[in-house]
Amino acid sequence: MRPPRIPLPQIPKWKVLGTETLQDCAVFSVSRTLTESPRTGIAHPFYRIDSSDWVNVVPVTSDRELVMIRQYRHGSREITLEIPGGLVDEGESPSEAAARELLEETGYRAASLERIGVVNPNPALFGNICHTFLARDVEPVADSRGVGLEEIAVELLPVADLPARLRAGEIDHALVVAALYWFELAASGKAG
């Protein structure tokens, strides 16, 4: 039984006065929006990173192994351990993007895909969302390709080893950790 919901305070939205794109950076753009405070009536500029939606895929084999990828990340300048994921291309549904990213990055295909959660990467800076999909009974059907400038190596991780690897800090990408929490909720039957 769910606890009763506590009523949330009513907070007014800020009024958008205008937006301009400052920089187009291929996979995202940066914009400045002038908005008016509902409390003071004073206009303030805010900056936002605009991107298409993203997907993360939690691929699980019939042997209860996660199909993970190691890749070099330019932001941290480190090699990370992650799940496959990427941008939702124009004209593509999130589930189509999840299936494509899974195949491109790992060479695996899923028997079924189920959306198990969605998060906003950082509502202070981003306007997009990241969909998380559970890919069940994945099997290798091709070589891992990576696309463009990606350097990727596939690694199988027993699901039972996941908590220890998270605690050790081996998996530290925030959106991946969030996706793995959605996976835990789905496995326990508590996903929404």
Protein backbone atom coordinates (compact mmCIF):
# COMPACT_ATOMS: atom_id res chain seq x y z
CA MET A 1 0.00 0.00 0.00
CA ARG A 2 1.36 3.42 -0.97
CA PRO A 3 1.65 6.15 1.66
CA PRO A 4 -0.67 9.14 1.15
CA ARG A 5 0.74 11.90 -1.07
CA ILE A 6 1.63 15.17 0.59
CA PRO A 7 0.30 18.17 -1.36
CA LEU A 8 3.10 20.05 -3.08
CA PRO A 9 3.44 23.81 -2.71
CA GLN A 10 2.25 25.82 -5.69
CA ILE A 11 5.24 27.43 -7.40
CA PRO A 12 4.57 29.65 -10.43
CA LYS A 13 6.55 29.16 -13.64
CA TRP A 14 8.77 31.90 -14.99
CA LYS A 15 7.53 33.76 -18.10
CA VAL A 16 9.68 33.21 -21.20
CA LEU A 17 10.37 36.51 -22.96
CA GLY A 18 12.60 35.20 -25.74
CA THR A 19 15.20 32.58 -26.67
CA GLU A 20 18.24 32.69 -28.95
CA THR A 21 20.61 29.92 -30.01
CA LEU A 22 24.18 30.83 -29.13
CA GLN A 23 26.11 27.82 -30.46
CA ASP A 24 25.38 24.71 -32.51
CA CYS A 25 27.73 21.94 -31.38
CA ALA A 26 26.51 19.05 -33.63
CA VAL A 27 25.03 16.76 -30.92
CA PHE A 28 23.66 19.65 -28.86
CA SER A 29 23.17 23.41 -29.00
CA VAL A 30 23.45 26.10 -26.37
CA SER A 31 20.69 28.68 -26.00
CA ARG A 32 20.03 31.74 -23.85
CA THR A 33 16.50 32.45 -22.68
CA LEU A 34 15.39 35.69 -21.11
CA THR A 35 12.78 34.93 -18.48
CA GLU A 36 10.80 37.03 -16.05
CA SER A 37 10.65 36.17 -12.37
CA PRO A 38 7.04 35.63 -11.22
CA ARG A 39 7.98 37.00 -7.81
CA THR A 40 9.89 40.19 -8.72
CA GLY A 41 8.96 40.81 -12.38
CA ILE A 42 12.68 41.21 -13.18
CA ALA A 43 14.04 39.56 -16.34
CA HIS A 44 17.08 37.25 -16.07
CA PRO A 45 19.06 35.33 -18.73
CA PHE A 46 19.35 31.55 -18.33
CA TYR A 47 21.46 29.16 -20.43
CA ARG A 48 20.37 25.74 -21.58
CA ILE A 49 21.86 22.80 -23.43
CA ASP A 50 19.40 21.54 -26.04
CA SER A 51 19.64 18.01 -27.40
CA SER A 52 17.39 15.32 -28.73
CA ASP A 53 16.29 12.73 -26.19
CA TRP A 54 18.69 10.00 -25.13
CA VAL A 55 18.35 6.28 -24.46
CA ASN A 56 20.13 3.87 -22.17
CA VAL A 57 19.81 0.11 -22.57
CA VAL A 58 20.27 -2.46 -19.80
CA PRO A 59 20.99 -5.63 -21.82
CA VAL A 60 20.69 -8.92 -19.94
CA THR A 61 21.59 -12.34 -21.33
CA SER A 62 19.65 -15.51 -20.52
CA ASP A 63 22.62 -16.39 -18.24
CA ARG A 64 21.93 -13.22 -16.15
CA GLU A 65 24.92 -11.28 -17.44
CA LEU A 66 24.83 -7.57 -18.27
CA VAL A 67 26.34 -6.63 -21.62
CA MET A 68 28.47 -3.61 -20.73
CA ILE A 69 30.84 -1.49 -22.79
CA ARG A 70 34.14 0.15 -22.01
CA GLN A 71 34.80 3.35 -23.89
CA TYR A 72 36.95 6.45 -23.79
CA ARG A 73 35.03 9.55 -22.69
CA HIS A 74 36.39 12.93 -23.72
CA GLY A 75 34.73 14.85 -20.88
CA SER A 76 36.42 12.88 -18.09
CA ARG A 77 39.36 11.81 -20.29
CA GLU A 78 38.93 8.34 -18.83
CA ILE A 79 37.85 4.90 -19.97
CA THR A 80 34.46 4.15 -18.44
CA LEU A 81 32.33 1.06 -17.86
CA GLU A 82 28.79 1.73 -19.07
CA ILE A 83 25.71 0.26 -20.67
CA PRO A 84 24.97 1.04 -24.34
CA GLY A 85 23.11 4.22 -25.10
CA GLY A 86 22.98 7.34 -27.20
CA LEU A 87 20.87 9.90 -29.01
CA VAL A 88 17.39 9.34 -30.38
CA ASP A 89 17.78 10.26 -34.06
CA GLU A 90 15.23 12.44 -35.84
CA GLY A 91 12.24 10.37 -36.97
CA GLU A 92 13.16 7.52 -34.62
CA SER A 93 11.22 6.37 -31.57
CA PRO A 94 13.08 5.86 -28.29
CA SER A 95 12.61 2.08 -28.56
CA GLU A 96 14.01 2.08 -32.11
CA ALA A 97 17.00 4.10 -30.89
CA ALA A 98 17.52 1.64 -28.00
CA ALA A 99 17.54 -1.36 -30.36
CA ARG A 100 19.91 0.45 -32.77
CA GLU A 101 22.33 1.57 -30.05
CA LEU A 102 22.38 -1.92 -28.53
CA LEU A 103 23.28 -3.50 -31.88
CA GLU A 104 25.79 -0.81 -32.91
CA GLU A 105 27.68 -0.68 -29.65
CA THR A 106 27.60 -4.33 -28.59
CA GLY A 107 26.60 -6.46 -31.57
CA TYR A 108 23.76 -7.89 -29.45
CA ARG A 109 20.04 -8.03 -30.26
CA ALA A 110 17.23 -8.37 -27.69
CA ALA A 111 14.34 -10.81 -27.67
CA SER A 112 12.30 -7.97 -26.14
CA LEU A 113 12.71 -4.32 -25.14
CA GLU A 114 10.73 -2.70 -22.33
CA ARG A 115 10.92 0.92 -21.22
CA ILE A 116 11.49 0.80 -17.47
CA GLY A 117 12.15 4.44 -16.63
CA VAL A 118 12.85 7.99 -17.69
CA VAL A 119 14.95 10.75 -16.12
CA ASN A 120 15.85 14.34 -16.89
CA PRO A 121 19.68 14.39 -17.13
CA ASN A 122 19.91 17.71 -15.27
CA PRO A 123 16.83 19.97 -15.23
CA ALA A 124 18.98 23.00 -14.38
CA LEU A 125 20.78 22.79 -17.76
CA PHE A 126 19.07 20.27 -20.08
CA GLY A 127 15.63 20.24 -21.68
CA ASN A 128 15.71 16.64 -22.91
CA ILE A 129 15.02 13.31 -21.22
CA CYS A 130 16.79 9.95 -21.08
CA HIS A 131 14.70 6.79 -21.57
CA THR A 132 15.92 3.55 -20.00
CA PHE A 133 15.08 0.23 -21.65
CA LEU A 134 15.49 -3.30 -20.35
CA ALA A 135 16.66 -5.62 -23.13
CA ARG A 136 15.91 -9.22 -22.22
CA ASP A 137 17.57 -12.40 -23.48
CA VAL A 138 20.12 -10.56 -25.60
CA GLU A 139 22.29 -12.58 -27.96
CA PRO A 140 25.31 -11.67 -30.07
CA VAL A 141 24.40 -11.36 -33.76
CA ALA A 142 27.21 -9.13 -35.11
CA ASP A 143 30.50 -7.55 -34.18
CA SER A 144 30.52 -4.47 -31.98
CA ARG A 145 31.02 -1.56 -34.36
CA GLY A 146 30.85 1.65 -32.44
CA VAL A 147 29.97 4.59 -34.67
CA GLY A 148 32.01 7.57 -35.74
CA LEU A 149 34.67 8.34 -33.19
CA GLU A 150 33.66 5.72 -30.61
CA GLU A 151 36.22 3.19 -29.39
CA ILE A 152 34.27 0.43 -27.62
CA ALA A 153 35.03 -2.95 -26.04
CA VAL A 154 32.23 -5.26 -24.87
CA GLU A 155 32.38 -6.78 -21.39
CA LEU A 156 29.97 -9.25 -19.77
CA LEU A 157 29.23 -8.62 -16.09
CA PRO A 158 27.27 -11.10 -13.96
CA VAL A 159 24.21 -9.33 -12.54
CA ALA A 160 25.18 -10.68 -9.10
CA ASP A 161 28.47 -8.71 -9.29
CA LEU A 162 26.78 -5.39 -10.08
CA PRO A 163 26.40 -4.06 -6.49
CA ALA A 164 30.10 -4.62 -5.72
CA ARG A 165 31.19 -2.96 -8.98
CA LEU A 166 28.98 0.05 -8.23
CA ARG A 167 30.25 0.34 -4.65
CA ALA A 168 33.85 0.13 -5.91
CA GLY A 169 33.19 3.10 -8.20
CA GLU A 170 33.89 1.13 -11.38
CA ILE A 171 30.57 2.37 -12.80
CA ASP A 172 30.31 6.11 -12.18
CA HIS A 173 28.36 7.59 -15.10
CA ALA A 174 25.34 9.18 -13.37
CA LEU A 175 22.82 8.27 -16.10
CA VAL A 176 24.10 4.68 -16.14
CA VAL A 177 23.75 4.44 -12.34
CA ALA A 178 20.19 5.80 -12.67
CA ALA A 179 19.42 3.24 -15.40
CA LEU A 180 20.78 0.42 -13.23
CA TYR A 181 18.49 1.58 -10.41
CA TRP A 182 15.52 1.40 -12.81
CA PHE A 183 16.76 -2.13 -13.63
CA GLU A 184 16.81 -3.01 -9.91
CA LEU A 185 13.26 -1.67 -9.53
CA ALA A 186 12.11 -3.64 -12.57
CA ALA A 187 13.70 -6.81 -11.23
CA SER A 188 11.91 -6.34 -7.89
CA GLY A 189 8.60 -5.57 -9.63
CA LYS A 190 8.58 -1.96 -8.37
CA ALA A 191 9.31 -0.08 -11.61
CA GLY A 192 6.72 2.50 -12.60
